[in-house]
PDB file of N, CA and C in Angstrom:
ATOM      1  N   MET A   1     -17.887  36.780  -6.122  1.00  0.00           N
ATOM      2  CA  MET A   1     -18.432  35.447  -5.846  1.00  0.00           C
ATOM      3  C   MET A   1     -17.929  34.463  -6.909  1.00  0.00           C
ATOM      4  N   ILE A   2     -17.594  33.274  -6.482  1.00  0.00           N
ATOM      5  CA  ILE A   2     -17.092  32.241  -7.388  1.00  0.00           C
ATOM      6  C   ILE A   2     -18.264  31.557  -8.074  1.00  0.00           C
ATOM      7  N   LYS A   3     -18.128  31.371  -9.389  1.00  0.00           N
ATOM      8  CA  LYS A   3     -19.176  30.707 -10.163  1.00  0.00           C
ATOM      9  C   LYS A   3     -19.200  29.227  -9.805  1.00  0.00           C
ATOM     10  N   PRO A   4     -20.391  28.593  -9.873  1.00  0.00           N
ATOM     11  CA  PRO A   4     -20.493  27.164  -9.545  1.00  0.00           C
ATOM     12  C   PRO A   4     -19.559  26.286 -10.385  1.00  0.00           C
ATOM     13  N   ALA A   5     -19.402  26.591 -11.668  1.00  0.00           N
ATOM     14  CA  ALA A   5     -18.524  25.786 -12.523  1.00  0.00           C
ATOM     15  C   ALA A   5     -17.078  25.890 -12.055  1.00  0.00           C
ATOM     16  N   THR A   6     -16.662  27.091 -11.661  1.00  0.00           N
ATOM     17  CA  THR A   6     -15.304  27.302 -11.166  1.00  0.00           C
ATOM     18  C   THR A   6     -15.113  26.562  -9.854  1.00  0.00           C
ATOM     19  N   SER A   7     -16.116  26.619  -9.024  1.00  0.00           N
ATOM     20  CA  SER A   7     -16.089  25.924  -7.732  1.00  0.00           C
ATOM     21  C   SER A   7     -15.906  24.418  -7.924  1.00  0.00           C
ATOM     22  N   LYS A   8     -16.658  23.850  -8.855  1.00  0.00           N
ATOM     23  CA  LYS A   8     -16.561  22.414  -9.140  1.00  0.00           C
ATOM     24  C   LYS A   8     -15.177  22.067  -9.667  1.00  0.00           C
ATOM     25  N   PHE A   9     -14.635  22.925 -10.554  1.00  0.00           N
ATOM     26  CA  PHE A   9     -13.311  22.687 -11.114  1.00  0.00           C
ATOM     27  C   PHE A   9     -12.257  22.681 -10.008  1.00  0.00           C
ATOM     28  N   ILE A  10     -12.335  23.647  -9.107  1.00  0.00           N
ATOM     29  CA  ILE A  10     -11.369  23.741  -8.006  1.00  0.00           C
ATOM     30  C   ILE A  10     -11.481  22.514  -7.104  1.00  0.00           C
ATOM     31  N   ALA A  11     -12.705  22.112  -6.778  1.00  0.00           N
ATOM     32  CA  ALA A  11     -12.910  20.943  -5.910  1.00  0.00           C
ATOM     33  C   ALA A  11     -12.391  19.672  -6.584  1.00  0.00           C
ATOM     34  N   THR A  12     -12.684  19.515  -7.860  1.00  0.00           N
ATOM     35  CA  THR A  12     -12.228  18.336  -8.598  1.00  0.00           C
ATOM     36  C   THR A  12     -10.704  18.296  -8.673  1.00  0.00           C
ATOM     37  N   THR A  13     -10.099  19.440  -8.968  1.00  0.00           N
ATOM     38  CA  THR A  13      -8.642  19.526  -9.048  1.00  0.00           C
ATOM     39  C   THR A  13      -8.012  19.189  -7.695  1.00  0.00           C
ATOM     40  N   ALA A  14      -8.578  19.710  -6.615  1.00  0.00           N
ATOM     41  CA  ALA A  14      -8.052  19.425  -5.277  1.00  0.00           C
ATOM     42  C   ALA A  14      -8.129  17.930  -4.972  1.00  0.00           C
ATOM     43  N   CYS A  15      -9.245  17.305  -5.317  1.00  0.00           N
ATOM     44  CA  CYS A  15      -9.393  15.854  -5.080  1.00  0.00           C
ATOM     45  C   CYS A  15      -8.367  15.060  -5.883  1.00  0.00           C
ATOM     46  N   ILE A  16      -8.170  15.426  -7.135  1.00  0.00           N
ATOM     47  CA  ILE A  16      -7.198  14.723  -7.972  1.00  0.00           C
ATOM     48  C   ILE A  16      -5.799  14.862  -7.396  1.00  0.00           C
ATOM     49  N   LEU A  17      -5.440  16.073  -6.964  1.00  0.00           N
ATOM     50  CA  LEU A  17      -4.114  16.296  -6.393  1.00  0.00           C
ATOM     51  C   LEU A  17      -3.925  15.491  -5.113  1.00  0.00           C
ATOM     52  N   MET A  18      -4.963  15.408  -4.276  1.00  0.00           N
ATOM     53  CA  MET A  18      -4.859  14.612  -3.048  1.00  0.00           C
ATOM     54  C   MET A  18      -4.676  13.141  -3.393  1.00  0.00           C
ATOM     55  N   LEU A  19      -5.416  12.645  -4.373  1.00  0.00           N
ATOM     56  CA  LEU A  19      -5.287  11.244  -4.764  1.00  0.00           C
ATOM     57  C   LEU A  19      -3.915  10.966  -5.353  1.00  0.00           C
ATOM     58  N   LEU A  20      -3.396  11.888  -6.132  1.00  0.00           N
ATOM     59  CA  LEU A  20      -2.060  11.701  -6.688  1.00  0.00           C
ATOM     60  C   LEU A  20      -1.014  11.671  -5.586  1.00  0.00           C
ATOM     61  N   GLY A  21      -1.178  12.508  -4.592  1.00  0.00           N
ATOM     62  CA  GLY A  21      -0.249  12.517  -3.468  1.00  0.00           C
ATOM     63  C   GLY A  21      -0.282  11.201  -2.715  1.00  0.00           C
ATOM     64  N   CYS A  22      -1.457  10.683  -2.481  1.00  0.00           N
ATOM     65  CA  CYS A  22      -1.591   9.395  -1.798  1.00  0.00           C
ATOM     66  C   CYS A  22      -1.026   8.280  -2.656  1.00  0.00           C
ATOM     67  N   SER A  23      -1.283   8.370  -3.937  1.00  0.00           N
ATOM     68  CA  SER A  23      -0.812   7.343  -4.849  1.00  0.00           C
ATOM     69  C   SER A  23       0.708   7.273  -4.845  1.00  0.00           C
ATOM     70  N   ASP A  24       1.365   8.426  -4.839  1.00  0.00           N
ATOM     71  CA  ASP A  24       2.821   8.440  -4.840  1.00  0.00           C
ATOM     72  C   ASP A  24       3.378   7.743  -3.603  1.00  0.00           C
ATOM     73  N   GLU A  25       2.818   8.045  -2.449  1.00  0.00           N
ATOM     74  CA  GLU A  25       3.279   7.437  -1.200  1.00  0.00           C
ATOM     75  C   GLU A  25       2.987   5.932  -1.207  1.00  0.00           C
ATOM     76  N   SER A  26       1.817   5.579  -1.692  1.00  0.00           N
ATOM     77  CA  SER A  26       1.444   4.167  -1.765  1.00  0.00           C
ATOM     78  C   SER A  26       2.367   3.418  -2.729  1.00  0.00           C
ATOM     79  N   ASP A  27       2.663   4.038  -3.867  1.00  0.00           N
ATOM     80  CA  ASP A  27       3.564   3.407  -4.844  1.00  0.00           C
ATOM     81  C   ASP A  27       4.957   3.230  -4.260  1.00  0.00           C
ATOM     82  N   ARG A  28       5.419   4.231  -3.518  1.00  0.00           N
ATOM     83  CA  ARG A  28       6.748   4.155  -2.893  1.00  0.00           C
ATOM     84  C   ARG A  28       6.788   3.007  -1.885  1.00  0.00           C
ATOM     85  N   MET A  29       5.743   2.909  -1.076  1.00  0.00           N
ATOM     86  CA  MET A  29       5.690   1.854  -0.062  1.00  0.00           C
ATOM     87  C   MET A  29       5.567   0.482  -0.732  1.00  0.00           C
ATOM     88  N   ARG A  30       4.775   0.393  -1.803  1.00  0.00           N
ATOM     89  CA  ARG A  30       4.645  -0.868  -2.543  1.00  0.00           C
ATOM     90  C   ARG A  30       6.017  -1.298  -3.056  1.00  0.00           C
ATOM     91  N   GLY A  31       6.769  -0.371  -3.626  1.00  0.00           N
ATOM     92  CA  GLY A  31       8.102  -0.679  -4.145  1.00  0.00           C
ATOM     93  C   GLY A  31       9.033  -1.184  -3.059  1.00  0.00           C
ATOM     94  N   LYS A  32       9.010  -0.522  -1.895  1.00  0.00           N
ATOM     95  CA  LYS A  32       9.868  -0.949  -0.784  1.00  0.00           C
ATOM     96  C   LYS A  32       9.479  -2.340  -0.312  1.00  0.00           C
ATOM     97  N   PHE A  33       8.180  -2.581  -0.178  1.00  0.00           N
ATOM     98  CA  PHE A  33       7.710  -3.873   0.307  1.00  0.00           C
ATOM     99  C   PHE A  33       8.087  -4.982  -0.669  1.00  0.00           C
ATOM    100  N   VAL A  34       7.775  -4.757  -1.948  1.00  0.00           N
ATOM    101  CA  VAL A  34       8.042  -5.783  -2.961  1.00  0.00           C
ATOM    102  C   VAL A  34       9.541  -6.067  -3.045  1.00  0.00           C
ATOM    103  N   SER A  35      10.344  -5.029  -2.997  1.00  0.00           N
ATOM    104  CA  SER A  35      11.797  -5.209  -3.050  1.00  0.00           C
ATOM    105  C   SER A  35      12.294  -6.051  -1.869  1.00  0.00           C
ATOM    106  N   GLY A  36      11.860  -5.715  -0.664  1.00  0.00           N
ATOM    107  CA  GLY A  36      12.256  -6.465   0.524  1.00  0.00           C
ATOM    108  C   GLY A  36      11.758  -7.893   0.492  1.00  0.00           C
ATOM    109  N   CYS A  37      10.540  -8.072   0.014  1.00  0.00           N
ATOM    110  CA  CYS A  37       9.940  -9.402  -0.092  1.00  0.00           C
ATOM    111  C   CYS A  37      10.747 -10.263  -1.062  1.00  0.00           C
ATOM    112  N   MET A  38      11.130  -9.683  -2.197  1.00  0.00           N
ATOM    113  CA  MET A  38      11.916 -10.418  -3.186  1.00  0.00           C
ATOM    114  C   MET A  38      13.315 -10.734  -2.657  1.00  0.00           C
ATOM    115  N   GLN A  39      13.894  -9.826  -1.884  1.00  0.00           N
ATOM    116  CA  GLN A  39      15.198 -10.096  -1.280  1.00  0.00           C
ATOM    117  C   GLN A  39      15.102 -11.258  -0.309  1.00  0.00           C
ATOM    118  N   GLY A  40      13.909 -11.454   0.241  1.00  0.00           N
ATOM    119  CA  GLY A  40      13.677 -12.577   1.131  1.00  0.00           C
ATOM    120  C   GLY A  40      13.482 -13.893   0.393  1.00  0.00           C
ATOM    121  N   GLY A  41      13.442 -13.837  -0.942  1.00  0.00           N
ATOM    122  CA  GLY A  41      13.372 -15.061  -1.732  1.00  0.00           C
ATOM    123  C   GLY A  41      12.044 -15.338  -2.413  1.00  0.00           C
ATOM    124  N   ALA A  42      11.044 -14.503  -2.213  1.00  0.00           N
ATOM    125  CA  ALA A  42       9.746 -14.748  -2.843  1.00  0.00           C
ATOM    126  C   ALA A  42       9.722 -14.165  -4.257  1.00  0.00           C
ATOM    127  N   PRO A  43       8.978 -14.788  -5.157  1.00  0.00           N
ATOM    128  CA  PRO A  43       8.857 -14.253  -6.516  1.00  0.00           C
ATOM    129  C   PRO A  43       8.065 -12.940  -6.526  1.00  0.00           C
ATOM    130  N   GLU A  44       8.369 -12.075  -7.481  1.00  0.00           N
ATOM    131  CA  GLU A  44       7.720 -10.760  -7.562  1.00  0.00           C
ATOM    132  C   GLU A  44       6.192 -10.832  -7.614  1.00  0.00           C
ATOM    133  N   PRO A  45       5.578 -11.726  -8.418  1.00  0.00           N
ATOM    134  CA  PRO A  45       4.111 -11.755  -8.452  1.00  0.00           C
ATOM    135  C   PRO A  45       3.484 -12.042  -7.078  1.00  0.00           C
ATOM    136  N   ILE A  46       4.115 -12.906  -6.316  1.00  0.00           N
ATOM    137  CA  ILE A  46       3.585 -13.210  -4.981  1.00  0.00           C
ATOM    138  C   ILE A  46       3.751 -11.998  -4.072  1.00  0.00           C
ATOM    139  N   CYS A  47       4.890 -11.327  -4.146  1.00  0.00           N
ATOM    140  CA  CYS A  47       5.120 -10.136  -3.317  1.00  0.00           C
ATOM    141  C   CYS A  47       4.099  -9.047  -3.632  1.00  0.00           C
ATOM    142  N   ARG A  48       3.831  -8.849  -4.918  1.00  0.00           N
ATOM    143  CA  ARG A  48       2.843  -7.830  -5.314  1.00  0.00           C
ATOM    144  C   ARG A  48       1.444  -8.223  -4.830  1.00  0.00           C
ATOM    145  N   CYS A  49       1.126  -9.483  -4.951  1.00  0.00           N
ATOM    146  CA  CYS A  49      -0.176  -9.984  -4.501  1.00  0.00           C
ATOM    147  C   CYS A  49      -0.338  -9.788  -2.996  1.00  0.00           C
ATOM    148  N   VAL A  50       0.683 -10.126  -2.230  1.00  0.00           N
ATOM    149  CA  VAL A  50       0.633  -9.966  -0.770  1.00  0.00           C
ATOM    150  C   VAL A  50       0.436  -8.493  -0.423  1.00  0.00           C
ATOM    151  N   TYR A  51       1.160  -7.606  -1.097  1.00  0.00           N
ATOM    152  CA  TYR A  51       1.028  -6.181  -0.801  1.00  0.00           C
ATOM    153  C   TYR A  51      -0.387  -5.690  -1.099  1.00  0.00           C
ATOM    154  N   THR A  52      -0.957  -6.154  -2.190  1.00  0.00           N
ATOM    155  CA  THR A  52      -2.323  -5.757  -2.541  1.00  0.00           C
ATOM    156  C   THR A  52      -3.296  -6.163  -1.440  1.00  0.00           C
ATOM    157  N   LYS A  53      -3.118  -7.371  -0.907  1.00  0.00           N
ATOM    158  CA  LYS A  53      -3.982  -7.842   0.177  1.00  0.00           C
ATOM    159  C   LYS A  53      -3.733  -7.056   1.470  1.00  0.00           C
ATOM    160  N   LEU A  54      -2.473  -6.736   1.747  1.00  0.00           N
ATOM    161  CA  LEU A  54      -2.157  -5.917   2.928  1.00  0.00           C
ATOM    162  C   LEU A  54      -2.820  -4.547   2.825  1.00  0.00           C
ATOM    163  N   GLU A  55      -2.696  -3.966   1.643  1.00  0.00           N
ATOM    164  CA  GLU A  55      -3.232  -2.631   1.397  1.00  0.00           C
ATOM    165  C   GLU A  55      -4.755  -2.599   1.572  1.00  0.00           C
ATOM    166  N   ALA A  56      -5.412  -3.710   1.246  1.00  0.00           N
ATOM    167  CA  ALA A  56      -6.861  -3.785   1.386  1.00  0.00           C
ATOM    168  C   ALA A  56      -7.291  -3.879   2.851  1.00  0.00           C
ATOM    169  N   LYS A  57      -6.415  -4.435   3.691  1.00  0.00           N
ATOM    170  CA  LYS A  57      -6.781  -4.654   5.093  1.00  0.00           C
ATOM    171  C   LYS A  57      -6.209  -3.603   6.043  1.00  0.00           C
ATOM    172  N   TYR A  58      -5.022  -3.086   5.738  1.00  0.00           N
ATOM    173  CA  TYR A  58      -4.327  -2.183   6.649  1.00  0.00           C
ATOM    174  C   TYR A  58      -4.144  -0.797   6.032  1.00  0.00           C
ATOM    175  N   SER A  59      -4.017   0.191   6.896  1.00  0.00           N
ATOM    176  CA  SER A  59      -3.762   1.553   6.429  1.00  0.00           C
ATOM    177  C   SER A  59      -2.311   1.666   5.969  1.00  0.00           C
ATOM    178  N   LEU A  60      -2.034   2.694   5.203  1.00  0.00           N
ATOM    179  CA  LEU A  60      -0.669   2.935   4.739  1.00  0.00           C
ATOM    180  C   LEU A  60       0.259   3.163   5.928  1.00  0.00           C
ATOM    181  N   ALA A  61      -0.239   3.823   6.956  1.00  0.00           N
ATOM    182  CA  ALA A  61       0.567   4.058   8.173  1.00  0.00           C
ATOM    183  C   ALA A  61       0.938   2.734   8.843  1.00  0.00           C
ATOM    184  N   ASP A  62      -0.007   1.791   8.892  1.00  0.00           N
ATOM    185  CA  ASP A  62       0.278   0.472   9.478  1.00  0.00           C
ATOM    186  C   ASP A  62       1.341  -0.265   8.669  1.00  0.00           C
ATOM    187  N   ILE A  63       1.229  -0.176   7.340  1.00  0.00           N
ATOM    188  CA  ILE A  63       2.194  -0.859   6.480  1.00  0.00           C
ATOM    189  C   ILE A  63       3.563  -0.212   6.614  1.00  0.00           C
ATOM    190  N   GLU A  64       3.598   1.111   6.698  1.00  0.00           N
ATOM    191  CA  GLU A  64       4.875   1.807   6.884  1.00  0.00           C
ATOM    192  C   GLU A  64       5.530   1.394   8.194  1.00  0.00           C
ATOM    193  N   GLN A  65       4.735   1.305   9.250  1.00  0.00           N
ATOM    194  CA  GLN A  65       5.267   0.903  10.549  1.00  0.00           C
ATOM    195  C   GLN A  65       5.825  -0.518  10.474  1.00  0.00           C
ATOM    196  N   MET A  66       5.127  -1.398   9.755  1.00  0.00           N
ATOM    197  CA  MET A  66       5.580  -2.773   9.612  1.00  0.00           C
ATOM    198  C   MET A  66       6.891  -2.830   8.837  1.00  0.00           C
ATOM    199  N   ASN A  67       7.075  -1.905   7.926  1.00  0.00           N
ATOM    200  CA  ASN A  67       8.236  -1.910   7.058  1.00  0.00           C
ATOM    201  C   ASN A  67       9.473  -1.283   7.712  1.00  0.00           C
ATOM    202  N   GLU A  68       9.332  -0.745   8.925  1.00  0.00           N
ATOM    203  CA  GLU A  68      10.468  -0.156   9.625  1.00  0.00           C
ATOM    204  C   GLU A  68      11.485  -1.254   9.944  1.00  0.00           C
ATOM    205  N   ALA A  69      12.731  -0.955   9.744  1.00  0.00           N
ATOM    206  CA  ALA A  69      13.793  -1.949   9.909  1.00  0.00           C
ATOM    207  C   ALA A  69      13.966  -2.429  11.342  1.00  0.00           C
ATOM    208  N   TYR A  70      13.657  -1.566  12.305  1.00  0.00           N
ATOM    209  CA  TYR A  70      13.957  -1.909  13.694  1.00  0.00           C
ATOM    210  C   TYR A  70      12.745  -2.346  14.496  1.00  0.00           C
ATOM    211  N   GLU A  71      11.599  -2.467  13.846  1.00  0.00           N
ATOM    212  CA  GLU A  71      10.398  -2.859  14.571  1.00  0.00           C
ATOM    213  C   GLU A  71       9.827  -4.139  13.994  1.00  0.00           C
ATOM    214  N   MET A  72       9.399  -5.004  14.863  1.00  0.00           N
ATOM    215  CA  MET A  72       8.746  -6.245  14.449  1.00  0.00           C
ATOM    216  C   MET A  72       7.268  -5.934  14.241  1.00  0.00           C
ATOM    217  N   PRO A  73       6.687  -6.382  13.125  1.00  0.00           N
ATOM    218  CA  PRO A  73       5.256  -6.147  12.911  1.00  0.00           C
ATOM    219  C   PRO A  73       4.436  -6.854  13.988  1.00  0.00           C
ATOM    220  N   PRO A  74       3.243  -6.338  14.256  1.00  0.00           N
ATOM    221  CA  PRO A  74       2.370  -7.027  15.224  1.00  0.00           C
ATOM    222  C   PRO A  74       2.103  -8.463  14.781  1.00  0.00           C
ATOM    223  N   GLU A  75       1.891  -9.318  15.758  1.00  0.00           N
ATOM    224  CA  GLU A  75       1.690 -10.740  15.482  1.00  0.00           C
ATOM    225  C   GLU A  75       0.523 -10.979  14.522  1.00  0.00           C
ATOM    226  N   THR A  76      -0.556 -10.219  14.677  1.00  0.00           N
ATOM    227  CA  THR A  76      -1.715 -10.408  13.792  1.00  0.00           C
ATOM    228  C   THR A  76      -1.357 -10.080  12.350  1.00  0.00           C
ATOM    229  N   MET A  77      -0.547  -9.048  12.152  1.00  0.00           N
ATOM    230  CA  MET A  77      -0.140  -8.680  10.799  1.00  0.00           C
ATOM    231  C   MET A  77       0.782  -9.751  10.207  1.00  0.00           C
ATOM    232  N   MET A  78       1.664 -10.302  11.032  1.00  0.00           N
ATOM    233  CA  MET A  78       2.552 -11.362  10.552  1.00  0.00           C
ATOM    234  C   MET A  78       1.735 -12.580  10.114  1.00  0.00           C
ATOM    235  N   ARG A  79       0.724 -12.940  10.903  1.00  0.00           N
ATOM    236  CA  ARG A  79      -0.144 -14.067  10.526  1.00  0.00           C
ATOM    237  C   ARG A  79      -0.853 -13.785   9.205  1.00  0.00           C
ATOM    238  N   ASP A  80      -1.327 -12.528   9.056  1.00  0.00           N
ATOM    239  CA  ASP A  80      -1.998 -12.152   7.811  1.00  0.00           C
ATOM    240  C   ASP A  80      -1.045 -12.255   6.624  1.00  0.00           C
ATOM    241  N   ILE A  81       0.182 -11.803   6.792  1.00  0.00           N
ATOM    242  CA  ILE A  81       1.159 -11.861   5.702  1.00  0.00           C
ATOM    243  C   ILE A  81       1.391 -13.308   5.278  1.00  0.00           C
ATOM    244  N   ILE A  82       1.503 -14.202   6.244  1.00  0.00           N
ATOM    245  CA  ILE A  82       1.712 -15.622   5.940  1.00  0.00           C
ATOM    246  C   ILE A  82       0.503 -16.186   5.201  1.00  0.00           C
ATOM    247  N   GLN A  83      -0.697 -15.868   5.689  1.00  0.00           N
ATOM    248  CA  GLN A  83      -1.918 -16.341   5.026  1.00  0.00           C
ATOM    249  C   GLN A  83      -2.033 -15.762   3.613  1.00  0.00           C
ATOM    250  N   PHE A  84      -1.721 -14.473   3.471  1.00  0.00           N
ATOM    251  CA  PHE A  84      -1.786 -13.843   2.154  1.00  0.00           C
ATOM    252  C   PHE A  84      -0.794 -14.495   1.198  1.00  0.00           C
ATOM    253  N   ALA A  85       0.407 -14.769   1.689  1.00  0.00           N
ATOM    254  CA  ALA A  85       1.438 -15.381   0.842  1.00  0.00           C
ATOM    255  C   ALA A  85       0.991 -16.773   0.382  1.00  0.00           C
ATOM    256  N   MET A  86       0.391 -17.538   1.280  1.00  0.00           N
ATOM    257  CA  MET A  86      -0.079 -18.877   0.910  1.00  0.00           C
ATOM    258  C   MET A  86      -1.212 -18.772  -0.113  1.00  0.00           C
ATOM    259  N   ALA A  87      -2.117 -17.822   0.083  1.00  0.00           N
ATOM    260  CA  ALA A  87      -3.221 -17.646  -0.861  1.00  0.00           C
ATOM    261  C   ALA A  87      -2.692 -17.181  -2.217  1.00  0.00           C
ATOM    262  N   CYS A  88      -1.725 -16.285  -2.223  1.00  0.00           N
ATOM    263  CA  CYS A  88      -1.162 -15.784  -3.473  1.00  0.00           C
ATOM    264  C   CYS A  88      -0.382 -16.871  -4.200  1.00  0.00           C
ATOM    265  N   ASP A  89       0.285 -17.744  -3.462  1.00  0.00           N
ATOM    266  CA  ASP A  89       1.065 -18.825  -4.047  1.00  0.00           C
ATOM    267  C   ASP A  89       0.155 -19.899  -4.637  1.00  0.00           C
ATOM    268  N   ALA A  90      -1.037 -20.050  -4.072  1.00  0.00           N
ATOM    269  CA  ALA A  90      -1.976 -21.080  -4.528  1.00  0.00           C
ATOM    270  C   ALA A  90      -2.640 -20.723  -5.859  1.00  0.00           C
ATOM    271  N   ARG A  91      -2.519 -19.479  -6.258  1.00  0.00           N
ATOM    272  CA  ARG A  91      -3.156 -19.041  -7.512  1.00  0.00           C
ATOM    273  C   ARG A  91      -2.631 -19.783  -8.660  1.00  0.00           C
TER     274      ARG A  91
END
């Protein structure tokens, strides 16, 4: 039988590893988004701000789909990006 302390350690370690895995994917997507945004002419702070707002509203899967080269993002997401960019620029 596994001791309660060992059980807690295993559960905590598993949670940390899952969060690190998500973080890596999120960081990769943030880098791609910010890079593309800057290539479009926006300053880095605004691109990072827009991504933070996107991340708060949309899932990583939605953001990945939007970032696909051959697909146009949904109209609602495009409107949000424009609104986020204006809000980030107003700071």
